[in-house]
């Protein structure tokens, strides 16, 4: 399972097949919009397609607006899109990466002893808190 940290980058990853929709636990977004609302959608679509940044995240996806919007609607309606701004939080968190894994795959632990030890300790502490 994955936690996404950027609506635009995560939706592009889902659209392009780099991340399976079923593997998404939640995407925490700095947005405050309803993808079912046409005005909200147009602001998001134009911003991520042409926006004021040097490399708009959805650049080149002009012909795929319906598919991209449907992903956003599915995330929104399934409760997989968390928008802290809707609850009064500024959520200024930014990361250089888009996804966090909620489970460390076993294969990755074997060649990283420090990560393996930290993961085992986390699981022990998490178990004590229940």
N, C-alpha and C. Protein backbone atom coordinates (compact mmCIF):
# COMPACT_ATOMS: atom_id res chain seq x y z
N UNK A 1 0.85 -1.18 0.00
CA UNK A 1 0.00 0.00 0.00
C UNK A 1 0.89 1.24 0.00
N UNK A 2 0.38 2.29 -0.63
CA UNK A 2 1.16 3.51 -0.78
C UNK A 2 0.38 4.73 -0.29
N UNK A 3 1.13 5.68 0.25
CA UNK A 3 0.59 6.99 0.62
C UNK A 3 1.22 7.99 -0.33
N UNK A 4 0.37 8.71 -1.05
CA UNK A 4 0.86 9.72 -1.99
C UNK A 4 0.97 11.08 -1.32
N UNK A 5 1.92 11.87 -1.81
CA UNK A 5 2.17 13.18 -1.21
C UNK A 5 2.00 14.33 -2.19
N UNK A 6 1.52 14.05 -3.38
CA UNK A 6 1.32 15.09 -4.39
C UNK A 6 0.22 14.65 -5.33
N UNK A 7 -0.88 15.38 -5.35
CA UNK A 7 -1.99 15.00 -6.23
C UNK A 7 -1.53 14.91 -7.68
N UNK A 8 -0.89 15.94 -8.17
CA UNK A 8 -0.54 15.97 -9.60
C UNK A 8 0.43 14.85 -9.97
N UNK A 9 1.49 14.66 -9.20
CA UNK A 9 2.47 13.63 -9.53
C UNK A 9 1.90 12.23 -9.33
N UNK A 10 1.12 12.03 -8.29
CA UNK A 10 0.55 10.71 -8.02
C UNK A 10 -0.48 10.32 -9.08
N UNK A 11 -1.32 11.27 -9.46
CA UNK A 11 -2.32 10.97 -10.49
C UNK A 11 -1.63 10.63 -11.80
N UNK A 12 -0.57 11.35 -12.13
CA UNK A 12 0.17 11.02 -13.36
C UNK A 12 0.76 9.61 -13.26
N UNK A 13 1.32 9.26 -12.11
CA UNK A 13 1.86 7.90 -11.93
C UNK A 13 0.79 6.84 -12.11
N UNK A 14 -0.40 7.08 -11.58
CA UNK A 14 -1.51 6.14 -11.74
C UNK A 14 -1.91 6.07 -13.21
N UNK A 15 -2.09 7.22 -13.84
CA UNK A 15 -2.49 7.27 -15.24
C UNK A 15 -1.49 6.53 -16.14
N UNK A 16 -0.20 6.72 -15.88
CA UNK A 16 0.83 6.11 -16.72
C UNK A 16 1.19 4.68 -16.31
N UNK A 17 0.50 4.16 -15.29
CA UNK A 17 0.68 2.76 -14.91
C UNK A 17 1.89 2.48 -14.04
N UNK A 18 2.55 3.49 -13.52
CA UNK A 18 3.70 3.27 -12.64
C UNK A 18 3.24 2.84 -11.25
N UNK A 19 2.02 3.23 -10.88
CA UNK A 19 1.43 2.83 -9.60
C UNK A 19 0.02 2.32 -9.88
N UNK A 20 -0.30 1.17 -9.33
CA UNK A 20 -1.62 0.57 -9.48
C UNK A 20 -2.59 1.29 -8.54
N UNK A 21 -3.74 1.68 -9.06
CA UNK A 21 -4.75 2.38 -8.26
C UNK A 21 -5.09 1.59 -7.00
N UNK A 22 -5.15 0.27 -7.10
CA UNK A 22 -5.51 -0.57 -5.96
C UNK A 22 -4.44 -0.54 -4.86
N UNK A 23 -3.23 -0.11 -5.18
CA UNK A 23 -2.16 -0.02 -4.18
C UNK A 23 -2.17 1.31 -3.42
N UNK A 24 -3.08 2.21 -3.78
CA UNK A 24 -3.13 3.53 -3.15
C UNK A 24 -3.99 3.47 -1.90
N UNK A 25 -3.38 3.77 -0.76
CA UNK A 25 -4.11 3.86 0.49
C UNK A 25 -4.77 5.23 0.58
N UNK A 26 -3.98 6.29 0.35
CA UNK A 26 -4.47 7.67 0.39
C UNK A 26 -3.46 8.57 -0.30
N UNK A 27 -3.95 9.68 -0.83
CA UNK A 27 -3.09 10.74 -1.34
C UNK A 27 -3.40 11.98 -0.51
N UNK A 28 -2.38 12.51 0.14
CA UNK A 28 -2.52 13.73 0.93
C UNK A 28 -2.13 14.87 0.00
N UNK A 29 -3.09 15.73 -0.27
CA UNK A 29 -2.91 16.77 -1.28
C UNK A 29 -2.98 18.16 -0.67
N UNK A 30 -2.24 19.08 -1.24
CA UNK A 30 -2.30 20.47 -0.79
C UNK A 30 -3.46 21.22 -1.46
N UNK A 31 -4.29 20.52 -2.21
CA UNK A 31 -5.41 21.14 -2.90
C UNK A 31 -6.62 21.27 -1.98
N UNK A 32 -7.60 21.99 -2.47
CA UNK A 32 -8.92 22.07 -1.84
C UNK A 32 -9.91 22.19 -2.99
N UNK A 33 -10.28 21.05 -3.54
CA UNK A 33 -11.18 21.09 -4.69
C UNK A 33 -12.03 19.84 -4.74
N UNK A 34 -13.12 19.93 -5.45
CA UNK A 34 -14.01 18.82 -5.73
C UNK A 34 -13.92 18.55 -7.22
N UNK A 35 -13.38 17.42 -7.65
CA UNK A 35 -13.22 17.16 -9.08
C UNK A 35 -14.55 17.03 -9.82
N UNK A 36 -15.66 16.90 -9.09
CA UNK A 36 -16.97 16.86 -9.73
C UNK A 36 -17.47 18.26 -10.09
N UNK A 37 -16.88 19.28 -9.47
CA UNK A 37 -17.27 20.67 -9.73
C UNK A 37 -16.48 21.18 -10.94
N UNK A 38 -17.19 21.56 -11.99
CA UNK A 38 -16.52 21.95 -13.25
C UNK A 38 -15.57 23.14 -13.08
N UNK A 39 -15.94 24.13 -12.28
CA UNK A 39 -15.06 25.28 -12.05
C UNK A 39 -13.79 24.86 -11.31
N UNK A 40 -13.98 24.07 -10.25
CA UNK A 40 -12.81 23.57 -9.51
C UNK A 40 -11.91 22.77 -10.44
N UNK A 41 -12.54 21.87 -11.22
CA UNK A 41 -11.75 21.01 -12.09
C UNK A 41 -10.94 21.84 -13.10
N UNK A 42 -11.56 22.83 -13.71
CA UNK A 42 -10.84 23.62 -14.72
C UNK A 42 -9.64 24.35 -14.12
N UNK A 43 -9.77 24.82 -12.89
CA UNK A 43 -8.63 25.48 -12.23
C UNK A 43 -7.49 24.49 -12.02
N UNK A 44 -7.82 23.30 -11.53
CA UNK A 44 -6.79 22.27 -11.30
C UNK A 44 -6.19 21.82 -12.64
N UNK A 45 -7.04 21.52 -13.61
CA UNK A 45 -6.58 21.03 -14.91
C UNK A 45 -5.64 22.03 -15.56
N UNK A 46 -6.04 23.28 -15.64
CA UNK A 46 -5.20 24.29 -16.27
C UNK A 46 -3.91 24.53 -15.48
N UNK A 47 -4.01 24.51 -14.18
CA UNK A 47 -2.84 24.73 -13.35
C UNK A 47 -1.79 23.64 -13.51
N UNK A 48 -2.22 22.39 -13.53
CA UNK A 48 -1.27 21.28 -13.64
C UNK A 48 -0.85 21.02 -15.08
N UNK A 49 -1.67 21.48 -16.03
CA UNK A 49 -1.34 21.29 -17.45
C UNK A 49 -0.40 22.38 -17.95
N UNK A 50 -0.68 23.63 -17.57
CA UNK A 50 0.09 24.76 -18.10
C UNK A 50 0.74 25.60 -17.01
N UNK A 51 0.37 25.38 -15.75
CA UNK A 51 0.73 26.18 -14.58
C UNK A 51 1.95 27.06 -14.63
N UNK A 52 2.13 27.79 -13.56
CA UNK A 52 3.20 28.76 -13.46
C UNK A 52 4.55 28.17 -13.12
N UNK A 53 4.66 26.86 -13.13
CA UNK A 53 5.96 26.24 -12.85
C UNK A 53 6.67 25.94 -14.16
N UNK A 54 7.97 25.77 -14.09
CA UNK A 54 8.75 25.56 -15.32
C UNK A 54 8.44 24.22 -15.98
N UNK A 55 7.99 23.24 -15.21
CA UNK A 55 7.69 21.93 -15.77
C UNK A 55 6.33 21.45 -15.25
N UNK A 56 5.24 21.92 -15.85
CA UNK A 56 3.91 21.51 -15.38
C UNK A 56 3.77 19.99 -15.39
N UNK A 57 3.28 19.42 -14.31
CA UNK A 57 3.28 17.98 -14.12
C UNK A 57 2.43 17.24 -15.15
N UNK A 58 1.34 17.85 -15.60
CA UNK A 58 0.48 17.16 -16.55
C UNK A 58 0.75 17.60 -18.00
N UNK A 59 1.87 18.26 -18.22
CA UNK A 59 2.24 18.69 -19.58
C UNK A 59 2.26 17.47 -20.51
N UNK A 60 1.67 17.63 -21.68
CA UNK A 60 1.64 16.54 -22.64
C UNK A 60 0.44 15.63 -22.50
N UNK A 61 -0.39 15.87 -21.52
CA UNK A 61 -1.57 15.01 -21.31
C UNK A 61 -2.85 15.68 -21.80
N UNK A 62 -2.71 16.70 -22.64
CA UNK A 62 -3.85 17.48 -23.12
C UNK A 62 -5.02 16.62 -23.60
N UNK A 63 -4.73 15.53 -24.29
CA UNK A 63 -5.77 14.69 -24.88
C UNK A 63 -6.37 13.69 -23.90
N UNK A 64 -5.97 13.75 -22.65
CA UNK A 64 -6.40 12.75 -21.68
C UNK A 64 -7.14 13.35 -20.48
N UNK A 65 -7.77 14.51 -20.70
CA UNK A 65 -8.44 15.18 -19.60
C UNK A 65 -9.50 14.30 -18.94
N UNK A 66 -10.30 13.61 -19.72
CA UNK A 66 -11.37 12.79 -19.16
C UNK A 66 -10.82 11.67 -18.28
N UNK A 67 -9.77 11.00 -18.76
CA UNK A 67 -9.18 9.92 -17.98
C UNK A 67 -8.56 10.43 -16.67
N UNK A 68 -7.86 11.56 -16.76
CA UNK A 68 -7.23 12.15 -15.58
C UNK A 68 -8.30 12.59 -14.59
N UNK A 69 -9.34 13.22 -15.10
CA UNK A 69 -10.42 13.66 -14.19
C UNK A 69 -11.09 12.46 -13.54
N UNK A 70 -11.30 11.39 -14.29
CA UNK A 70 -11.93 10.20 -13.71
C UNK A 70 -11.10 9.60 -12.59
N UNK A 71 -9.77 9.62 -12.73
CA UNK A 71 -8.91 9.15 -11.65
C UNK A 71 -9.12 10.02 -10.42
N UNK A 72 -9.14 11.34 -10.61
CA UNK A 72 -9.34 12.27 -9.48
C UNK A 72 -10.70 12.06 -8.83
N UNK A 73 -11.73 11.86 -9.64
CA UNK A 73 -13.08 11.61 -9.10
C UNK A 73 -13.10 10.31 -8.31
N UNK A 74 -12.49 9.26 -8.86
CA UNK A 74 -12.44 7.97 -8.15
C UNK A 74 -11.72 8.12 -6.80
N UNK A 75 -10.59 8.82 -6.80
CA UNK A 75 -9.86 9.03 -5.55
C UNK A 75 -10.72 9.80 -4.55
N UNK A 76 -11.37 10.85 -5.02
CA UNK A 76 -12.21 11.72 -4.18
C UNK A 76 -13.38 10.94 -3.59
N UNK A 77 -14.11 10.22 -4.44
CA UNK A 77 -15.32 9.54 -4.01
C UNK A 77 -15.04 8.29 -3.18
N UNK A 78 -13.85 7.71 -3.34
CA UNK A 78 -13.51 6.52 -2.56
C UNK A 78 -12.86 6.87 -1.22
N UNK A 79 -12.66 8.18 -0.97
CA UNK A 79 -12.04 8.60 0.28
C UNK A 79 -10.53 8.46 0.28
N UNK A 80 -9.95 8.26 -0.90
CA UNK A 80 -8.50 8.12 -1.00
C UNK A 80 -7.79 9.45 -1.23
N UNK A 81 -8.55 10.53 -1.29
CA UNK A 81 -7.96 11.86 -1.46
C UNK A 81 -8.22 12.66 -0.19
N UNK A 82 -7.15 12.92 0.55
CA UNK A 82 -7.26 13.70 1.78
C UNK A 82 -6.71 15.10 1.49
N UNK A 83 -7.53 16.11 1.75
CA UNK A 83 -7.17 17.50 1.49
C UNK A 83 -7.25 18.29 2.79
N UNK A 84 -6.14 18.37 3.54
CA UNK A 84 -6.17 19.06 4.84
C UNK A 84 -6.70 20.49 4.77
N UNK A 85 -6.55 21.17 3.65
CA UNK A 85 -7.05 22.55 3.54
C UNK A 85 -8.57 22.61 3.70
N UNK A 86 -9.26 21.53 3.41
CA UNK A 86 -10.71 21.51 3.60
C UNK A 86 -11.07 21.57 5.08
N UNK A 87 -10.08 21.28 5.93
CA UNK A 87 -10.32 21.26 7.37
C UNK A 87 -9.56 22.37 8.09
N UNK A 88 -9.09 23.36 7.33
CA UNK A 88 -8.44 24.52 7.92
C UNK A 88 -6.94 24.41 8.11
N UNK A 89 -6.34 23.32 7.67
CA UNK A 89 -4.90 23.16 7.81
C UNK A 89 -4.20 23.70 6.57
N UNK A 90 -3.10 24.40 6.77
CA UNK A 90 -2.36 24.97 5.65
C UNK A 90 -1.62 23.90 4.86
N UNK A 91 -1.20 22.82 5.50
CA UNK A 91 -0.48 21.71 4.85
C UNK A 91 0.57 22.20 3.86
N UNK A 92 1.60 22.80 4.38
CA UNK A 92 2.67 23.32 3.53
C UNK A 92 3.76 22.30 3.28
N UNK A 93 3.53 21.07 3.69
CA UNK A 93 4.52 20.01 3.52
C UNK A 93 4.80 19.78 2.04
N UNK A 94 6.08 19.74 1.70
CA UNK A 94 6.50 19.42 0.34
C UNK A 94 7.60 18.39 0.43
N UNK A 95 7.60 17.46 -0.49
CA UNK A 95 8.63 16.42 -0.50
C UNK A 95 9.20 16.30 -1.90
N UNK A 96 10.41 15.80 -1.97
CA UNK A 96 11.05 15.56 -3.26
C UNK A 96 10.61 14.23 -3.86
N UNK A 97 9.78 13.51 -3.17
CA UNK A 97 9.30 12.22 -3.63
C UNK A 97 7.78 12.25 -3.58
N UNK A 98 7.15 11.33 -4.30
CA UNK A 98 5.70 11.33 -4.42
C UNK A 98 5.01 10.28 -3.55
N UNK A 99 5.70 9.19 -3.27
CA UNK A 99 5.05 8.06 -2.61
C UNK A 99 5.82 7.58 -1.39
N UNK A 100 5.08 7.11 -0.39
CA UNK A 100 5.63 6.41 0.76
C UNK A 100 5.00 5.02 0.78
N UNK A 101 5.80 4.00 0.98
CA UNK A 101 5.26 2.66 1.12
C UNK A 101 4.90 2.43 2.58
N UNK A 102 3.73 1.83 2.83
CA UNK A 102 3.33 1.57 4.20
C UNK A 102 3.90 0.26 4.71
N UNK A 103 4.41 -0.56 3.80
CA UNK A 103 5.04 -1.83 4.15
C UNK A 103 6.36 -1.89 3.42
N UNK A 104 7.41 -2.23 4.13
CA UNK A 104 8.72 -2.39 3.49
C UNK A 104 8.79 -3.79 2.90
N UNK A 105 8.95 -3.92 1.58
CA UNK A 105 9.03 -5.25 0.97
C UNK A 105 10.21 -6.05 1.53
N UNK A 106 10.00 -7.33 1.80
CA UNK A 106 11.02 -8.18 2.40
C UNK A 106 12.34 -8.16 1.65
N UNK A 107 12.31 -8.19 0.34
CA UNK A 107 13.53 -8.20 -0.45
C UNK A 107 14.41 -6.99 -0.19
N UNK A 108 13.81 -5.88 0.16
CA UNK A 108 14.58 -4.66 0.41
C UNK A 108 15.21 -4.67 1.80
N UNK A 109 14.72 -5.52 2.68
CA UNK A 109 15.26 -5.54 4.04
C UNK A 109 16.54 -6.35 4.14
N UNK A 110 16.67 -7.37 3.34
CA UNK A 110 17.81 -8.27 3.46
C UNK A 110 19.14 -7.59 3.18
N UNK A 111 19.17 -6.66 2.24
CA UNK A 111 20.45 -6.02 1.91
C UNK A 111 20.64 -4.68 2.62
N UNK A 112 19.74 -4.37 3.57
CA UNK A 112 19.84 -3.11 4.32
C UNK A 112 19.61 -3.41 5.80
N UNK A 113 20.63 -3.87 6.50
CA UNK A 113 20.45 -4.28 7.90
C UNK A 113 19.89 -3.18 8.80
N UNK A 114 20.30 -1.94 8.61
CA UNK A 114 19.80 -0.86 9.46
C UNK A 114 18.31 -0.64 9.25
N UNK A 115 17.86 -0.71 8.00
CA UNK A 115 16.43 -0.56 7.70
C UNK A 115 15.65 -1.73 8.29
N UNK A 116 16.22 -2.93 8.16
CA UNK A 116 15.56 -4.12 8.70
C UNK A 116 15.39 -4.00 10.22
N UNK A 117 16.44 -3.57 10.92
CA UNK A 117 16.37 -3.42 12.37
C UNK A 117 15.33 -2.36 12.76
N UNK A 118 15.34 -1.22 12.06
CA UNK A 118 14.38 -0.15 12.34
C UNK A 118 12.95 -0.64 12.10
N UNK A 119 12.73 -1.39 11.02
CA UNK A 119 11.40 -1.91 10.70
C UNK A 119 10.92 -2.88 11.78
N UNK A 120 11.80 -3.76 12.22
CA UNK A 120 11.43 -4.71 13.26
C UNK A 120 11.08 -3.99 14.57
N UNK A 121 11.87 -2.97 14.91
CA UNK A 121 11.59 -2.20 16.12
C UNK A 121 10.27 -1.44 16.00
N UNK A 122 10.01 -0.89 14.82
CA UNK A 122 8.74 -0.19 14.61
C UNK A 122 7.56 -1.15 14.79
N UNK A 123 7.66 -2.34 14.20
CA UNK A 123 6.56 -3.30 14.31
C UNK A 123 6.34 -3.69 15.77
N UNK A 124 7.43 -3.85 16.53
CA UNK A 124 7.30 -4.19 17.94
C UNK A 124 6.58 -3.07 18.69
N UNK A 125 7.01 -1.83 18.49
CA UNK A 125 6.39 -0.69 19.17
C UNK A 125 4.94 -0.51 18.74
N UNK A 126 4.68 -0.69 17.47
CA UNK A 126 3.29 -0.57 16.99
C UNK A 126 2.41 -1.62 17.65
N UNK A 127 2.94 -2.81 17.83
CA UNK A 127 2.19 -3.88 18.49
C UNK A 127 1.89 -3.57 19.95
N UNK A 128 2.79 -2.89 20.61
CA UNK A 128 2.59 -2.54 22.02
C UNK A 128 1.51 -1.48 22.21
N UNK A 129 1.28 -0.69 21.17
CA UNK A 129 0.34 0.43 21.29
C UNK A 129 -1.11 0.02 21.11
N UNK A 130 -1.34 -1.24 20.83
CA UNK A 130 -2.73 -1.70 20.62
C UNK A 130 -3.35 -2.23 21.86
